[in-house]
Amino acid sequence: MENTLFKGIFDTDMTKVIDVKDFLLCIGVALVIGLITAVCYMVKNRYTGSFVVTLAILPAVVCVVIMMVNGNIGAGVAVAGAFSLVRFRSAPGTAKEIGMIFLAMGAGLICGMGYLGYALMFTVIMCAVFILYSLAGFGKGKALGRYKTMSITIPEDLNYTEAFEDIFDEYTKSRELVRTKTTNMGSLFRLTYSISLKDPSLEKEFIDKLRTRNGNLEISISNQDTQAPEL
C-alpha cells in the first residue's frame, strides 16, 4: 500500500523511486538546517518575522524540489527558471538578506541530493562565519560615520556655487551637490549635498562655520541612507 501511495504515475524502471523514510529524513534535516540558518541571521541583525520564517522553511522546499527532479535535467532547468521569477514578486533586499537566502537554498540543494552530512557541515561552518563577522562588525568600521547627507538653506541673493567652497575644503574629503530647490515662495534656496567628512568629531564646528555664511538659516545633516527595503 505504501509503495503504491507514494509511487509516481510517471515512474519507470529507469527512474529511482525515493523511499518514504529517506524522504522524511531529508526533509527533517533540511528543516533543522533552516532553523539554524534563521537563528543565525537573528544574531545582531534587524529582521522581520516573515523573513526568518522563510529562511527556516526554504531549505526544505528546495530539498523537496531537488528530490522530485531526481536527475531529470530538463525538469531541473524548468525549476531554475521558476525560482528566478521569485525576484520579480518580492521587494529588493539587502546584500546580507540575499546572501542568507542563497545559503539556505544551497543547503537545501545539498540535502536534496542526499548529502545530509555535508549539508549540515556546510550550514554550521557558514553560519559560524556569518555570526563571527556580524559580532566583529566586519565591513562597518568608522568610515560609515563619515558619509553624510547635508541640506543647507540660503537666501536667494547668495551665490551658492562658491559660497561654501573653502569650508568644504577644510572639513570634507569630497562633496557633491545633488539637489537644488527653491522654497518660501522663491526667497530661499535649499541645497542638498552628499559629503564625506575628514573628521566626524568636528561635525559641529563644520556646521557653525556654515551658519556664518548662510545667515543662520536652517542646516540639517544626517547619515546617508544605504539600506534597501527589507524583505
C-alpha atoms as a PDB file:
ATOM      1  CA  MET A   1       0.000   0.000   0.000  1.00  0.00           C
ATOM      2  CA  GLU A   2       2.803   2.388   0.948  1.00  0.00           C
ATOM      3  CA  ASN A   3       4.714   1.729  -2.272  1.00  0.00           C
ATOM      4  CA  THR A   4       1.562   2.317  -4.307  1.00  0.00           C
ATOM      5  CA  LEU A   5       0.610   5.516  -2.467  1.00  0.00           C
ATOM      6  CA  PHE A   6       4.000   7.191  -2.890  1.00  0.00           C
ATOM      7  CA  LYS A   7       4.777   5.900  -6.381  1.00  0.00           C
ATOM      8  CA  GLY A   8       4.679   8.499  -9.149  1.00  0.00           C
ATOM      9  CA  ILE A   9       2.438   7.793 -12.122  1.00  0.00           C
ATOM     10  CA  PHE A  10       5.367   8.533 -14.444  1.00  0.00           C
ATOM     11  CA  ASP A  11       7.891   6.350 -12.580  1.00  0.00           C
ATOM     12  CA  THR A  12       9.720   3.796 -14.697  1.00  0.00           C
ATOM     13  CA  ASP A  13      12.460   1.250 -14.193  1.00  0.00           C
ATOM     14  CA  MET A  14      14.934   3.906 -15.318  1.00  0.00           C
ATOM     15  CA  THR A  15      13.805   6.321 -12.604  1.00  0.00           C
ATOM     16  CA  LYS A  16      14.844   5.797  -8.999  1.00  0.00           C
ATOM     17  CA  VAL A  17      11.912   5.788  -6.577  1.00  0.00           C
ATOM     18  CA  ILE A  18      12.603   7.731  -3.357  1.00  0.00           C
ATOM     19  CA  ASP A  19      11.913   5.732  -0.223  1.00  0.00           C
ATOM     20  CA  VAL A  20       9.483   7.375   2.217  1.00  0.00           C
ATOM     21  CA  LYS A  21      11.913   7.063   5.131  1.00  0.00           C
ATOM     22  CA  ASP A  22      14.701   8.696   3.119  1.00  0.00           C
ATOM     23  CA  PHE A  23      12.295  11.433   2.048  1.00  0.00           C
ATOM     24  CA  LEU A  24      11.301  12.200   5.647  1.00  0.00           C
ATOM     25  CA  LEU A  25      14.920  12.087   6.795  1.00  0.00           C
ATOM     26  CA  CYS A  26      15.978  14.608   4.163  1.00  0.00           C
ATOM     27  CA  ILE A  27      13.048  16.898   4.993  1.00  0.00           C
ATOM     28  CA  GLY A  28      13.830  16.686   8.713  1.00  0.00           C
ATOM     29  CA  VAL A  29      17.482  17.552   8.211  1.00  0.00           C
ATOM     30  CA  ALA A  30      16.530  20.406   5.857  1.00  0.00           C
ATOM     31  CA  LEU A  31      14.157  21.849   8.476  1.00  0.00           C
ATOM     32  CA  VAL A  32      16.892  21.668  11.123  1.00  0.00           C
ATOM     33  CA  ILE A  33      19.251  23.433   8.723  1.00  0.00           C
ATOM     34  CA  GLY A  34      16.598  26.082   8.071  1.00  0.00           C
ATOM     35  CA  LEU A  35      16.158  26.652  11.802  1.00  0.00           C
ATOM     36  CA  ILE A  36      19.928  27.013  12.275  1.00  0.00           C
ATOM     37  CA  THR A  37      20.085  29.485   9.397  1.00  0.00           C
ATOM     38  CA  ALA A  38      17.170  31.571  10.744  1.00  0.00           C
ATOM     39  CA  VAL A  39      18.599  31.705  14.273  1.00  0.00           C
ATOM     40  CA  CYS A  40      21.996  32.629  12.837  1.00  0.00           C
ATOM     41  CA  TYR A  41      20.501  35.573  10.937  1.00  0.00           C
ATOM     42  CA  MET A  42      18.699  36.822  14.062  1.00  0.00           C
ATOM     43  CA  VAL A  43      22.045  37.437  15.807  1.00  0.00           C
ATOM     44  CA  LYS A  44      22.947  41.141  15.637  1.00  0.00           C
ATOM     45  CA  ASN A  45      20.707  41.796  12.616  1.00  0.00           C
ATOM     46  CA  ARG A  46      17.414  43.548  12.062  1.00  0.00           C
ATOM     47  CA  TYR A  47      14.795  41.171  10.734  1.00  0.00           C
ATOM     48  CA  THR A  48      11.095  40.667  10.141  1.00  0.00           C
ATOM     49  CA  GLY A  49       9.116  37.637  11.261  1.00  0.00           C
ATOM     50  CA  SER A  50       8.159  36.725   7.718  1.00  0.00           C
ATOM     51  CA  PHE A  51      11.784  36.741   6.582  1.00  0.00           C
ATOM     52  CA  VAL A  52      13.114  34.430   9.310  1.00  0.00           C
ATOM     53  CA  VAL A  53      10.173  32.034   8.808  1.00  0.00           C
ATOM     54  CA  THR A  54      11.011  31.949   5.109  1.00  0.00           C
ATOM     55  CA  LEU A  55      14.657  31.210   5.912  1.00  0.00           C
ATOM     56  CA  ALA A  56      13.536  28.383   8.216  1.00  0.00           C
ATOM     57  CA  ILE A  57      11.454  26.575   5.578  1.00  0.00           C
ATOM     58  CA  LEU A  58      13.374  27.464   2.411  1.00  0.00           C
ATOM     59  CA  PRO A  59      15.945  24.622   2.654  1.00  0.00           C
ATOM     60  CA  ALA A  60      13.139  22.061   2.982  1.00  0.00           C
ATOM     61  CA  VAL A  61      11.332  23.492  -0.059  1.00  0.00           C
ATOM     62  CA  VAL A  62      14.488  23.385  -2.188  1.00  0.00           C
ATOM     63  CA  CYS A  63      15.287  19.905  -0.852  1.00  0.00           C
ATOM     64  CA  VAL A  64      11.905  18.542  -1.982  1.00  0.00           C
ATOM     65  CA  VAL A  65      12.201  20.169  -5.405  1.00  0.00           C
ATOM     66  CA  ILE A  66      15.653  18.668  -5.973  1.00  0.00           C
ATOM     67  CA  MET A  67      14.491  15.218  -4.846  1.00  0.00           C
ATOM     68  CA  MET A  68      11.500  15.370  -7.175  1.00  0.00           C
ATOM     69  CA  VAL A  69      13.678  16.453 -10.123  1.00  0.00           C
ATOM     70  CA  ASN A  70      15.633  13.260  -9.430  1.00  0.00           C
ATOM     71  CA  GLY A  71      18.312  13.703 -12.077  1.00  0.00           C
ATOM     72  CA  ASN A  72      15.998  14.982 -14.834  1.00  0.00           C
ATOM     73  CA  ILE A  73      17.999  17.770 -16.496  1.00  0.00           C
ATOM     74  CA  GLY A  74      15.003  19.230 -18.313  1.00  0.00           C
ATOM     75  CA  ALA A  75      12.970  19.444 -15.119  1.00  0.00           C
ATOM     76  CA  GLY A  76      15.970  20.946 -13.314  1.00  0.00           C
ATOM     77  CA  VAL A  77      16.234  23.747 -15.903  1.00  0.00           C
ATOM     78  CA  ALA A  78      12.487  24.421 -15.614  1.00  0.00           C
ATOM     79  CA  VAL A  79      12.717  24.601 -11.821  1.00  0.00           C
ATOM     80  CA  ALA A  80      15.667  27.008 -12.008  1.00  0.00           C
ATOM     81  CA  GLY A  81      13.626  29.240 -14.307  1.00  0.00           C
ATOM     82  CA  ALA A  82      10.668  29.162 -11.928  1.00  0.00           C
ATOM     83  CA  PHE A  83      12.829  30.135  -8.944  1.00  0.00           C
ATOM     84  CA  SER A  84      14.347  33.023 -10.903  1.00  0.00           C
ATOM     85  CA  LEU A  85      10.859  34.554 -11.265  1.00  0.00           C
ATOM     86  CA  VAL A  86      10.596  34.987  -7.494  1.00  0.00           C
ATOM     87  CA  ARG A  87      12.710  38.141  -7.592  1.00  0.00           C
ATOM     88  CA  PHE A  88      10.069  39.895  -9.698  1.00  0.00           C
ATOM     89  CA  ARG A  89       7.458  39.264  -6.990  1.00  0.00           C
ATOM     90  CA  SER A  90       9.433  40.431  -3.953  1.00  0.00           C
ATOM     91  CA  ALA A  91      10.916  43.656  -2.649  1.00  0.00           C
ATOM     92  CA  PRO A  92      14.646  44.100  -3.200  1.00  0.00           C
ATOM     93  CA  GLY A  93      16.573  43.090  -0.106  1.00  0.00           C
ATOM     94  CA  THR A  94      19.936  43.955   1.357  1.00  0.00           C
ATOM     95  CA  ALA A  95      23.019  42.052   0.233  1.00  0.00           C
ATOM     96  CA  LYS A  96      23.065  40.300   3.615  1.00  0.00           C
ATOM     97  CA  GLU A  97      19.470  39.070   3.214  1.00  0.00           C
ATOM     98  CA  ILE A  98      20.092  37.848  -0.317  1.00  0.00           C
ATOM     99  CA  GLY A  99      23.259  36.089   0.849  1.00  0.00           C
ATOM    100  CA  MET A 100      21.336  34.207   3.554  1.00  0.00           C
ATOM    101  CA  ILE A 101      18.689  33.190   1.038  1.00  0.00           C
ATOM    102  CA  PHE A 102      21.371  31.730  -1.208  1.00  0.00           C
ATOM    103  CA  LEU A 103      22.917  29.978   1.792  1.00  0.00           C
ATOM    104  CA  ALA A 104      19.564  28.394   2.674  1.00  0.00           C
ATOM    105  CA  MET A 105      18.929  27.371  -0.931  1.00  0.00           C
ATOM    106  CA  GLY A 106      22.419  25.900  -1.257  1.00  0.00           C
ATOM    107  CA  ALA A 107      21.988  23.848   1.913  1.00  0.00           C
ATOM    108  CA  GLY A 108      18.587  22.650   0.714  1.00  0.00           C
ATOM    109  CA  LEU A 109      20.065  21.642  -2.629  1.00  0.00           C
ATOM    110  CA  ILE A 110      22.774  19.576  -0.900  1.00  0.00           C
ATOM    111  CA  CYS A 111      20.082  17.916   1.236  1.00  0.00           C
ATOM    112  CA  GLY A 112      18.014  17.125  -1.835  1.00  0.00           C
ATOM    113  CA  MET A 113      20.989  15.374  -3.393  1.00  0.00           C
ATOM    114  CA  GLY A 114      21.236  13.173  -0.302  1.00  0.00           C
ATOM    115  CA  TYR A 115      24.467  14.513   1.192  1.00  0.00           C
ATOM    116  CA  LEU A 116      22.989  15.221   4.616  1.00  0.00           C
ATOM    117  CA  GLY A 117      26.308  15.292   6.469  1.00  0.00           C
ATOM    118  CA  TYR A 118      27.803  17.749   4.009  1.00  0.00           C
ATOM    119  CA  ALA A 119      24.656  19.890   4.199  1.00  0.00           C
ATOM    120  CA  LEU A 120      24.869  20.123   7.987  1.00  0.00           C
ATOM    121  CA  MET A 121      28.617  20.795   7.918  1.00  0.00           C
ATOM    122  CA  PHE A 122      28.208  23.469   5.249  1.00  0.00           C
ATOM    123  CA  THR A 123      25.440  25.183   7.237  1.00  0.00           C
ATOM    124  CA  VAL A 124      27.300  25.117  10.550  1.00  0.00           C
ATOM    125  CA  ILE A 125      30.519  26.478   9.013  1.00  0.00           C
ATOM    126  CA  MET A 126      28.801  29.250   7.046  1.00  0.00           C
ATOM    127  CA  CYS A 127      26.566  30.278   9.956  1.00  0.00           C
ATOM    128  CA  ALA A 128      29.550  30.364  12.322  1.00  0.00           C
ATOM    129  CA  VAL A 129      31.437  32.617   9.895  1.00  0.00           C
ATOM    130  CA  PHE A 130      28.345  34.811   9.431  1.00  0.00           C
ATOM    131  CA  ILE A 131      27.887  35.254  13.209  1.00  0.00           C
ATOM    132  CA  LEU A 132      31.606  35.925  13.680  1.00  0.00           C
ATOM    133  CA  TYR A 133      31.584  38.668  11.038  1.00  0.00           C
ATOM    134  CA  SER A 134      28.370  40.179  12.446  1.00  0.00           C
ATOM    135  CA  LEU A 135      29.660  40.276  16.028  1.00  0.00           C
ATOM    136  CA  ALA A 136      33.000  41.697  14.909  1.00  0.00           C
ATOM    137  CA  GLY A 137      31.297  44.431  12.879  1.00  0.00           C
ATOM    138  CA  PHE A 138      33.243  43.339   9.813  1.00  0.00           C
ATOM    139  CA  GLY A 139      32.877  45.837   6.962  1.00  0.00           C
ATOM    140  CA  LYS A 140      31.259  48.554   9.075  1.00  0.00           C
ATOM    141  CA  GLY A 141      34.191  50.354  10.638  1.00  0.00           C
ATOM    142  CA  LYS A 142      34.323  54.037  11.476  1.00  0.00           C
ATOM    143  CA  ALA A 143      34.259  55.061   7.831  1.00  0.00           C
ATOM    144  CA  LEU A 144      30.462  54.853   7.648  1.00  0.00           C
ATOM    145  CA  GLY A 145      30.212  57.814  10.046  1.00  0.00           C
ATOM    146  CA  ARG A 146      31.994  59.999   7.512  1.00  0.00           C
ATOM    147  CA  TYR A 147      29.318  59.786   4.812  1.00  0.00           C
ATOM    148  CA  LYS A 148      26.548  62.321   5.324  1.00  0.00           C
ATOM    149  CA  THR A 149      23.685  63.996   3.525  1.00  0.00           C
ATOM    150  CA  MET A 150      23.528  67.721   4.266  1.00  0.00           C
ATOM    151  CA  SER A 151      20.807  70.259   3.500  1.00  0.00           C
ATOM    152  CA  ILE A 152      21.610  73.983   3.676  1.00  0.00           C
ATOM    153  CA  THR A 153      19.060  76.771   3.368  1.00  0.00           C
ATOM    154  CA  ILE A 154      20.432  80.014   1.901  1.00  0.00           C
ATOM    155  CA  PRO A 155      18.979  83.401   0.873  1.00  0.00           C
ATOM    156  CA  GLU A 156      18.280  83.870  -2.821  1.00  0.00           C
ATOM    157  CA  ASP A 157      20.986  86.523  -3.264  1.00  0.00           C
ATOM    158  CA  LEU A 158      23.808  84.222  -2.120  1.00  0.00           C
ATOM    159  CA  ASN A 159      25.899  82.635  -4.892  1.00  0.00           C
ATOM    160  CA  TYR A 160      25.822  79.032  -3.641  1.00  0.00           C
ATOM    161  CA  THR A 161      28.272  77.726  -6.269  1.00  0.00           C
ATOM    162  CA  GLU A 162      31.217  79.347  -4.455  1.00  0.00           C
ATOM    163  CA  ALA A 163      29.875  80.433  -1.060  1.00  0.00           C
ATOM    164  CA  PHE A 164      30.994  77.356   0.907  1.00  0.00           C
ATOM    165  CA  GLU A 165      33.963  76.069  -1.107  1.00  0.00           C
ATOM    166  CA  ASP A 166      36.675  76.981   1.413  1.00  0.00           C
ATOM    167  CA  ILE A 167      34.704  75.461   4.321  1.00  0.00           C
ATOM    168  CA  PHE A 168      34.068  72.267   2.400  1.00  0.00           C
ATOM    169  CA  ASP A 169      37.763  72.058   1.504  1.00  0.00           C
ATOM    170  CA  GLU A 170      38.667  72.311   5.191  1.00  0.00           C
ATOM    171  CA  TYR A 171      36.222  69.754   6.615  1.00  0.00           C
ATOM    172  CA  THR A 172      35.307  67.308   3.840  1.00  0.00           C
ATOM    173  CA  LYS A 173      37.152  64.820   1.706  1.00  0.00           C
ATOM    174  CA  SER A 174      34.557  65.034  -1.032  1.00  0.00           C
ATOM    175  CA  ARG A 175      31.226  66.701  -1.681  1.00  0.00           C
ATOM    176  CA  GLU A 176      28.642  66.706  -4.408  1.00  0.00           C
ATOM    177  CA  LEU A 177      25.662  68.989  -4.866  1.00  0.00           C
ATOM    178  CA  VAL A 178      22.871  66.522  -5.608  1.00  0.00           C
ATOM    179  CA  ARG A 179      19.828  68.803  -5.486  1.00  0.00           C
ATOM    180  CA  THR A 180      18.890  72.487  -5.566  1.00  0.00           C
ATOM    181  CA  LYS A 181      15.370  73.534  -4.615  1.00  0.00           C
ATOM    182  CA  THR A 182      13.633  76.883  -4.131  1.00  0.00           C
ATOM    183  CA  THR A 183      11.480  77.336  -1.040  1.00  0.00           C
ATOM    184  CA  ASN A 184       9.490  80.029   0.812  1.00  0.00           C
ATOM    185  CA  MET A 185       7.977  81.449  -2.394  1.00  0.00           C
ATOM    186  CA  GLY A 186      11.361  81.528  -4.094  1.00  0.00           C
ATOM    187  CA  SER A 187      13.043  83.733  -1.497  1.00  0.00           C
ATOM    188  CA  LEU A 188      15.230  80.882  -0.263  1.00  0.00           C
ATOM    189  CA  PHE A 189      17.224  78.045  -1.800  1.00  0.00           C
ATOM    190  CA  ARG A 190      17.667  74.612  -0.231  1.00  0.00           C
ATOM    191  CA  LEU A 191      20.864  72.843  -1.254  1.00  0.00           C
ATOM    192  CA  THR A 192      21.396  69.131  -0.678  1.00  0.00           C
ATOM    193  CA  TYR A 193      24.949  67.791  -0.637  1.00  0.00           C
ATOM    194  CA  SER A 194      26.406  64.313  -0.395  1.00  0.00           C
ATOM    195  CA  ILE A 195      29.587  64.721   1.635  1.00  0.00           C
ATOM    196  CA  SER A 196      32.398  62.711   3.186  1.00  0.00           C
ATOM    197  CA  LEU A 197      33.808  64.249   6.372  1.00  0.00           C
ATOM    198  CA  LYS A 198      37.515  64.254   7.107  1.00  0.00           C
ATOM    199  CA  ASP A 199      36.878  64.003  10.850  1.00  0.00           C
ATOM    200  CA  PRO A 200      33.326  63.213  12.098  1.00  0.00           C
ATOM    201  CA  SER A 201      34.182  64.623  15.535  1.00  0.00           C
ATOM    202  CA  LEU A 202      34.392  68.126  14.004  1.00  0.00           C
ATOM    203  CA  GLU A 203      30.829  68.000  12.663  1.00  0.00           C
ATOM    204  CA  LYS A 204      29.515  70.758  14.999  1.00  0.00           C
ATOM    205  CA  GLU A 205      32.424  73.048  14.188  1.00  0.00           C
ATOM    206  CA  PHE A 206      31.734  72.441  10.495  1.00  0.00           C
ATOM    207  CA  ILE A 207      28.055  73.375  10.885  1.00  0.00           C
ATOM    208  CA  ASP A 208      28.869  76.500  12.929  1.00  0.00           C
ATOM    209  CA  LYS A 209      31.095  77.815  10.147  1.00  0.00           C
ATOM    210  CA  LEU A 210      28.427  77.154   7.555  1.00  0.00           C
ATOM    211  CA  ARG A 211      25.903  79.086   9.680  1.00  0.00           C
ATOM    212  CA  THR A 212      28.051  82.203   9.455  1.00  0.00           C
ATOM    213  CA  ARG A 213      27.717  82.068   5.664  1.00  0.00           C
ATOM    214  CA  ASN A 214      24.034  81.229   5.232  1.00  0.00           C
ATOM    215  CA  GLY A 215      22.674  83.860   7.617  1.00  0.00           C
ATOM    216  CA  ASN A 216      21.989  81.331  10.403  1.00  0.00           C
ATOM    217  CA  LEU A 217      19.244  79.690   8.352  1.00  0.00           C
ATOM    218  CA  GLU A 218      18.350  76.007   8.676  1.00  0.00           C
ATOM    219  CA  ILE A 219      21.065  73.373   8.234  1.00  0.00           C
ATOM    220  CA  SER A 220      20.437  69.654   8.604  1.00  0.00           C
ATOM    221  CA  ILE A 221      22.861  66.743   8.416  1.00  0.00           C
ATOM    222  CA  SER A 222      22.126  63.018   8.529  1.00  0.00           C
ATOM    223  CA  ASN A 223      23.723  59.670   7.811  1.00  0.00           C
ATOM    224  CA  GLN A 224      23.376  58.589   4.243  1.00  0.00           C
ATOM    225  CA  ASP A 225      20.583  56.072   3.771  1.00  0.00           C
ATOM    226  CA  THR A 226      22.195  52.966   2.261  1.00  0.00           C
ATOM    227  CA  GLN A 227      19.579  50.457   3.435  1.00  0.00           C
ATOM    228  CA  ALA A 228      17.444  48.733   0.832  1.00  0.00           C
ATOM    229  CA  PRO A 229      13.813  47.897   1.654  1.00  0.00           C
ATOM    230  CA  GLU A 230      13.569  44.813   3.868  1.00  0.00           C
ATOM    231  CA  LEU A 231      12.177  41.576   2.548  1.00  0.00           C
END
